[in-house]
Amino acid sequence: MKYIEPQYIGFTKEQEQEHKQMLATQEAEYEANKAIEEQTTIQQKHQVFISEMIAHGNRRLAYQAAYPSSSNAAARTSACRLLAMPHIAYSIQKGLLQLRQLSIQSLREQYNGRLTGIEEKRAILAQIIRGELVTEKESTNKKGESLIIKMKNDIKERIRAIMLDNKMEEEWNQAIVSPDNGVRYSE
């Protein structure tokens, strides 16, 4: 279909220019709104992909949740393309970190001081290593009397405590140097 220039019969040159300018402005607004709408749709689909990745980590399924008509092969390659976008990878990592923090907070609230922290565990191990921790054992003698026997830890227990403390320190240092952000992508 051929575009026909409108006839400006009865218009002054000034009115004709104003009308053309108004049409150009309306067309520009239409194009801008169309671009924003397309960008919003893309962003919404990306957000679906991000949410699904946080929920289960399967990139193909996450992509197909955002773009239901895509095939398995297309979803795999397109998901890789999305994961290569810094803002999407960052959003997934941020979401996983928030989820992990919420889980930890929930567990802390649930156990409310019933679990020992790493500092407390290492303090106990340090007492065992230095031989400061005394174990009390209840026993009965030949007369049937109850006796409490205090025993210091033997060398095997001290060595085991040293090994456990070294392992805890290694894991702690590794977590500080390169924290596991929980990002693992499957298929």
C-alpha atoms as a PDB file:
ATOM      1  CA  MET A   1       0.000   0.000   0.000  1.00  0.00           C
ATOM      2  CA  LYS A   2       1.385   3.351  -1.041  1.00  0.00           C
ATOM      3  CA  TYR A   3       1.506   6.197   1.439  1.00  0.00           C
ATOM      4  CA  ILE A   4      -0.348   9.256   0.211  1.00  0.00           C
ATOM      5  CA  GLU A   5       0.745  12.626   1.481  1.00  0.00           C
ATOM      6  CA  PRO A   6      -2.231  14.428   3.070  1.00  0.00           C
ATOM      7  CA  GLN A   7      -3.605  17.386   1.169  1.00  0.00           C
ATOM      8  CA  TYR A   8      -3.576  20.581   3.118  1.00  0.00           C
ATOM      9  CA  ILE A   9      -6.394  22.408   1.438  1.00  0.00           C
ATOM     10  CA  GLY A  10      -7.389  25.566   3.221  1.00  0.00           C
ATOM     11  CA  PHE A  11      -4.303  25.452   5.465  1.00  0.00           C
ATOM     12  CA  THR A  12      -1.773  28.200   5.634  1.00  0.00           C
ATOM     13  CA  LYS A  13       1.871  27.239   5.274  1.00  0.00           C
ATOM     14  CA  GLU A  14       2.289  27.804   8.995  1.00  0.00           C
ATOM     15  CA  GLN A  15      -0.674  25.507   9.862  1.00  0.00           C
ATOM     16  CA  GLU A  16       0.620  22.870   7.470  1.00  0.00           C
ATOM     17  CA  GLN A  17       4.050  22.928   9.141  1.00  0.00           C
ATOM     18  CA  GLU A  18       2.480  22.691  12.619  1.00  0.00           C
ATOM     19  CA  HIS A  19       0.363  19.714  11.547  1.00  0.00           C
ATOM     20  CA  LYS A  20       3.348  17.913  10.005  1.00  0.00           C
ATOM     21  CA  GLN A  21       5.353  18.573  13.132  1.00  0.00           C
ATOM     22  CA  MET A  22       2.530  17.209  15.310  1.00  0.00           C
ATOM     23  CA  LEU A  23       2.347  14.031  13.154  1.00  0.00           C
ATOM     24  CA  ALA A  24       6.108  13.575  13.368  1.00  0.00           C
ATOM     25  CA  THR A  25       5.968  13.975  17.166  1.00  0.00           C
ATOM     26  CA  GLN A  26       3.118  11.454  17.440  1.00  0.00           C
ATOM     27  CA  GLU A  27       5.000   8.971  15.257  1.00  0.00           C
ATOM     28  CA  ALA A  28       8.170   9.399  17.346  1.00  0.00           C
ATOM     29  CA  GLU A  29       6.164   8.897  20.570  1.00  0.00           C
ATOM     30  CA  TYR A  30       4.550   5.798  19.096  1.00  0.00           C
ATOM     31  CA  GLU A  31       7.940   4.321  18.143  1.00  0.00           C
ATOM     32  CA  ALA A  32       9.399   5.178  21.571  1.00  0.00           C
ATOM     33  CA  ASN A  33       6.439   3.574  23.370  1.00  0.00           C
ATOM     34  CA  LYS A  34       6.703   0.519  21.137  1.00  0.00           C
ATOM     35  CA  ALA A  35      10.427   0.190  21.952  1.00  0.00           C
ATOM     36  CA  ILE A  36       9.730   0.567  25.690  1.00  0.00           C
ATOM     37  CA  GLU A  37       6.979  -2.041  25.484  1.00  0.00           C
ATOM     38  CA  GLU A  38       9.282  -4.477  23.670  1.00  0.00           C
ATOM     39  CA  GLN A  39      12.063  -3.832  26.212  1.00  0.00           C
ATOM     40  CA  THR A  40       9.620  -4.367  29.100  1.00  0.00           C
ATOM     41  CA  THR A  41       8.504  -7.674  27.598  1.00  0.00           C
ATOM     42  CA  ILE A  42      12.124  -8.770  27.216  1.00  0.00           C
ATOM     43  CA  GLN A  43      12.893  -7.672  30.770  1.00  0.00           C
ATOM     44  CA  GLN A  44       9.864  -9.578  32.075  1.00  0.00           C
ATOM     45  CA  LYS A  45      11.006 -12.715  30.268  1.00  0.00           C
ATOM     46  CA  HIS A  46      14.516 -12.255  31.608  1.00  0.00           C
ATOM     47  CA  GLN A  47      13.085 -11.886  35.110  1.00  0.00           C
ATOM     48  CA  VAL A  48      11.160 -15.155  34.665  1.00  0.00           C
ATOM     49  CA  PHE A  49      14.416 -16.818  33.556  1.00  0.00           C
ATOM     50  CA  ILE A  50      16.281 -15.380  36.557  1.00  0.00           C
ATOM     51  CA  SER A  51      13.577 -16.474  39.008  1.00  0.00           C
ATOM     52  CA  GLU A  52      13.522 -19.986  37.587  1.00  0.00           C
ATOM     53  CA  MET A  53      17.319 -20.230  37.741  1.00  0.00           C
ATOM     54  CA  ILE A  54      17.217 -19.224  41.391  1.00  0.00           C
ATOM     55  CA  ALA A  55      14.431 -21.727  42.063  1.00  0.00           C
ATOM     56  CA  HIS A  56      16.017 -24.826  40.518  1.00  0.00           C
ATOM     57  CA  GLY A  57      19.194 -23.966  38.570  1.00  0.00           C
ATOM     58  CA  ASN A  58      18.289 -25.851  35.377  1.00  0.00           C
ATOM     59  CA  ARG A  59      19.023 -23.379  32.575  1.00  0.00           C
ATOM     60  CA  ARG A  60      17.047 -25.205  29.879  1.00  0.00           C
ATOM     61  CA  LEU A  61      13.897 -25.423  32.001  1.00  0.00           C
ATOM     62  CA  ALA A  62      14.344 -21.827  33.152  1.00  0.00           C
ATOM     63  CA  TYR A  63      14.586 -20.638  29.549  1.00  0.00           C
ATOM     64  CA  GLN A  64      11.539 -22.676  28.532  1.00  0.00           C
ATOM     65  CA  ALA A  65       9.570 -21.161  31.417  1.00  0.00           C
ATOM     66  CA  ALA A  66      10.342 -17.701  30.022  1.00  0.00           C
ATOM     67  CA  TYR A  67       9.994 -18.707  26.371  1.00  0.00           C
ATOM     68  CA  PRO A  68       7.563 -21.664  26.324  1.00  0.00           C
ATOM     69  CA  SER A  69       7.628 -22.211  22.575  1.00  0.00           C
ATOM     70  CA  SER A  70      11.394 -22.861  22.410  1.00  0.00           C
ATOM     71  CA  SER A  71      12.755 -26.327  21.665  1.00  0.00           C
ATOM     72  CA  ASN A  72      15.154 -28.116  24.019  1.00  0.00           C
ATOM     73  CA  ALA A  73      18.186 -27.447  21.809  1.00  0.00           C
ATOM     74  CA  ALA A  74      17.285 -23.786  21.288  1.00  0.00           C
ATOM     75  CA  ALA A  75      16.605 -23.372  25.004  1.00  0.00           C
ATOM     76  CA  ARG A  76      20.039 -24.750  25.906  1.00  0.00           C
ATOM     77  CA  THR A  77      21.947 -22.434  23.581  1.00  0.00           C
ATOM     78  CA  SER A  78      19.784 -19.405  24.295  1.00  0.00           C
ATOM     79  CA  ALA A  79      20.058 -19.984  28.040  1.00  0.00           C
ATOM     80  CA  CYS A  80      23.850 -19.939  27.683  1.00  0.00           C
ATOM     81  CA  ARG A  81      23.561 -16.649  25.820  1.00  0.00           C
ATOM     82  CA  LEU A  82      21.450 -15.190  28.644  1.00  0.00           C
ATOM     83  CA  LEU A  83      23.816 -16.499  31.324  1.00  0.00           C
ATOM     84  CA  ALA A  84      26.690 -14.743  29.543  1.00  0.00           C
ATOM     85  CA  MET A  85      24.953 -11.390  30.035  1.00  0.00           C
ATOM     86  CA  PRO A  86      26.550  -9.783  33.103  1.00  0.00           C
ATOM     87  CA  HIS A  87      23.351  -8.265  34.501  1.00  0.00           C
ATOM     88  CA  ILE A  88      21.533 -11.614  34.318  1.00  0.00           C
ATOM     89  CA  ALA A  89      24.405 -13.592  35.867  1.00  0.00           C
ATOM     90  CA  TYR A  90      24.684 -10.949  38.589  1.00  0.00           C
ATOM     91  CA  SER A  91      20.944 -11.063  39.293  1.00  0.00           C
ATOM     92  CA  ILE A  92      21.036 -14.860  39.593  1.00  0.00           C
ATOM     93  CA  GLN A  93      24.042 -14.760  41.921  1.00  0.00           C
ATOM     94  CA  LYS A  94      22.455 -12.022  43.999  1.00  0.00           C
ATOM     95  CA  GLY A  95      19.183 -13.965  44.238  1.00  0.00           C
ATOM     96  CA  LEU A  96      20.961 -17.180  45.233  1.00  0.00           C
ATOM     97  CA  LEU A  97      22.959 -15.331  47.867  1.00  0.00           C
ATOM     98  CA  GLN A  98      19.791 -13.756  49.282  1.00  0.00           C
ATOM     99  CA  LEU A  99      18.091 -17.157  49.311  1.00  0.00           C
ATOM    100  CA  ARG A 100      21.079 -18.680  51.092  1.00  0.00           C
ATOM    101  CA  GLN A 101      21.112 -15.873  53.673  1.00  0.00           C
ATOM    102  CA  LEU A 102      17.387 -16.284  54.287  1.00  0.00           C
ATOM    103  CA  SER A 103      17.865 -20.029  54.763  1.00  0.00           C
ATOM    104  CA  ILE A 104      20.687 -19.470  57.234  1.00  0.00           C
ATOM    105  CA  GLN A 105      18.654 -16.882  59.111  1.00  0.00           C
ATOM    106  CA  SER A 106      15.671 -19.224  59.209  1.00  0.00           C
ATOM    107  CA  LEU A 107      17.821 -22.057  60.580  1.00  0.00           C
ATOM    108  CA  ARG A 108      19.316 -19.754  63.199  1.00  0.00           C
ATOM    109  CA  GLU A 109      15.846 -18.708  64.314  1.00  0.00           C
ATOM    110  CA  GLN A 110      14.641 -22.306  64.279  1.00  0.00           C
ATOM    111  CA  TYR A 111      17.529 -23.606  66.414  1.00  0.00           C
ATOM    112  CA  ASN A 112      17.853 -20.389  68.442  1.00  0.00           C
ATOM    113  CA  GLY A 113      21.199 -20.973  70.120  1.00  0.00           C
ATOM    114  CA  ARG A 114      20.956 -24.754  70.292  1.00  0.00           C
ATOM    115  CA  LEU A 115      23.803 -25.159  67.792  1.00  0.00           C
ATOM    116  CA  THR A 116      27.402 -24.203  68.405  1.00  0.00           C
ATOM    117  CA  GLY A 117      29.187 -21.761  66.175  1.00  0.00           C
ATOM    118  CA  ILE A 118      32.588 -22.312  64.614  1.00  0.00           C
ATOM    119  CA  GLU A 119      34.282 -20.174  67.276  1.00  0.00           C
ATOM    120  CA  GLU A 120      32.851 -22.276  70.100  1.00  0.00           C
ATOM    121  CA  LYS A 121      33.820 -25.523  68.359  1.00  0.00           C
ATOM    122  CA  ARG A 122      37.377 -24.347  67.811  1.00  0.00           C
ATOM    123  CA  ALA A 123      37.620 -23.160  71.440  1.00  0.00           C
ATOM    124  CA  ILE A 124      36.681 -26.659  72.649  1.00  0.00           C
ATOM    125  CA  LEU A 125      39.189 -28.225  70.251  1.00  0.00           C
ATOM    126  CA  ALA A 126      41.855 -25.830  71.557  1.00  0.00           C
ATOM    127  CA  GLN A 127      41.136 -26.963  75.136  1.00  0.00           C
ATOM    128  CA  ILE A 128      41.485 -30.602  74.068  1.00  0.00           C
ATOM    129  CA  ILE A 129      44.744 -29.870  72.230  1.00  0.00           C
ATOM    130  CA  ARG A 130      46.250 -28.054  75.246  1.00  0.00           C
ATOM    131  CA  GLY A 131      45.079 -30.798  77.610  1.00  0.00           C
ATOM    132  CA  GLU A 132      42.891 -28.362  79.545  1.00  0.00           C
ATOM    133  CA  LEU A 133      39.634 -30.208  78.997  1.00  0.00           C
ATOM    134  CA  VAL A 134      38.911 -32.794  81.630  1.00  0.00           C
ATOM    135  CA  THR A 135      36.389 -35.524  80.947  1.00  0.00           C
ATOM    136  CA  GLU A 136      34.345 -36.767  83.847  1.00  0.00           C
ATOM    137  CA  LYS A 137      33.295 -40.385  83.883  1.00  0.00           C
ATOM    138  CA  GLU A 138      30.982 -41.959  86.415  1.00  0.00           C
ATOM    139  CA  SER A 139      31.856 -45.411  87.662  1.00  0.00           C
ATOM    140  CA  THR A 140      31.124 -47.691  90.585  1.00  0.00           C
ATOM    141  CA  ASN A 141      33.684 -49.371  92.766  1.00  0.00           C
ATOM    142  CA  LYS A 142      33.589 -52.906  94.197  1.00  0.00           C
ATOM    143  CA  LYS A 143      31.571 -51.703  97.171  1.00  0.00           C
ATOM    144  CA  GLY A 144      28.900 -50.290  94.799  1.00  0.00           C
ATOM    145  CA  GLU A 145      29.746 -46.710  95.572  1.00  0.00           C
ATOM    146  CA  SER A 146      29.461 -44.135  92.787  1.00  0.00           C
ATOM    147  CA  LEU A 147      32.731 -42.538  91.815  1.00  0.00           C
ATOM    148  CA  ILE A 148      33.465 -39.695  89.446  1.00  0.00           C
ATOM    149  CA  ILE A 149      36.736 -40.142  87.613  1.00  0.00           C
ATOM    150  CA  LYS A 150      38.341 -37.101  86.002  1.00  0.00           C
ATOM    151  CA  MET A 151      40.469 -37.882  82.971  1.00  0.00           C
ATOM    152  CA  LYS A 152      42.555 -35.729  80.691  1.00  0.00           C
ATOM    153  CA  ASN A 153      42.426 -36.531  77.000  1.00  0.00           C
ATOM    154  CA  ASP A 154      45.051 -38.918  75.736  1.00  0.00           C
ATOM    155  CA  ILE A 155      47.429 -38.232  72.851  1.00  0.00           C
ATOM    156  CA  LYS A 156      45.144 -39.849  70.247  1.00  0.00           C
ATOM    157  CA  GLU A 157      42.296 -37.500  71.164  1.00  0.00           C
ATOM    158  CA  ARG A 158      44.664 -34.512  71.070  1.00  0.00           C
ATOM    159  CA  ILE A 159      45.965 -35.460  67.619  1.00  0.00           C
ATOM    160  CA  ARG A 160      42.401 -35.971  66.361  1.00  0.00           C
ATOM    161  CA  ALA A 161      41.462 -32.533  67.766  1.00  0.00           C
ATOM    162  CA  ILE A 162      44.453 -30.972  65.973  1.00  0.00           C
ATOM    163  CA  MET A 163      43.379 -32.589  62.684  1.00  0.00           C
ATOM    164  CA  LEU A 164      39.768 -31.412  63.099  1.00  0.00           C
ATOM    165  CA  ASP A 165      40.912 -27.886  63.979  1.00  0.00           C
ATOM    166  CA  ASN A 166      43.214 -27.777  60.939  1.00  0.00           C
ATOM    167  CA  LYS A 167      40.385 -28.940  58.707  1.00  0.00           C
ATOM    168  CA  MET A 168      38.000 -26.322  60.126  1.00  0.00           C
ATOM    169  CA  GLU A 169      40.623 -23.598  59.682  1.00  0.00           C
ATOM    170  CA  GLU A 170      41.243 -24.666  56.080  1.00  0.00           C
ATOM    171  CA  GLU A 171      37.527 -24.641  55.270  1.00  0.00           C
ATOM    172  CA  TRP A 172      37.119 -21.266  56.976  1.00  0.00           C
ATOM    173  CA  ASN A 173      40.034 -19.735  55.041  1.00  0.00           C
ATOM    174  CA  GLN A 174      38.723 -21.159  51.781  1.00  0.00           C
ATOM    175  CA  ALA A 175      35.271 -19.697  52.469  1.00  0.00           C
ATOM    176  CA  ILE A 176      36.809 -16.282  53.138  1.00  0.00           C
ATOM    177  CA  VAL A 177      39.100 -16.285  50.084  1.00  0.00           C
ATOM    178  CA  SER A 178      36.579 -17.630  47.591  1.00  0.00           C
ATOM    179  CA  PRO A 179      33.103 -17.779  49.117  1.00  0.00           C
ATOM    180  CA  ASP A 180      30.810 -20.321  47.523  1.00  0.00           C
ATOM    181  CA  ASN A 181      28.047 -18.197  46.108  1.00  0.00           C
ATOM    182  CA  GLY A 182      26.003 -21.263  45.417  1.00  0.00           C
ATOM    183  CA  VAL A 183      25.910 -20.700  41.656  1.00  0.00           C
ATOM    184  CA  ARG A 184      25.784 -24.034  39.908  1.00  0.00           C
ATOM    185  CA  TYR A 185      24.168 -24.328  36.544  1.00  0.00           C
ATOM    186  CA  SER A 186      22.897 -27.614  35.282  1.00  0.00           C
ATOM    187  CA  GLU A 187      21.861 -28.537  31.739  1.00  0.00           C
END
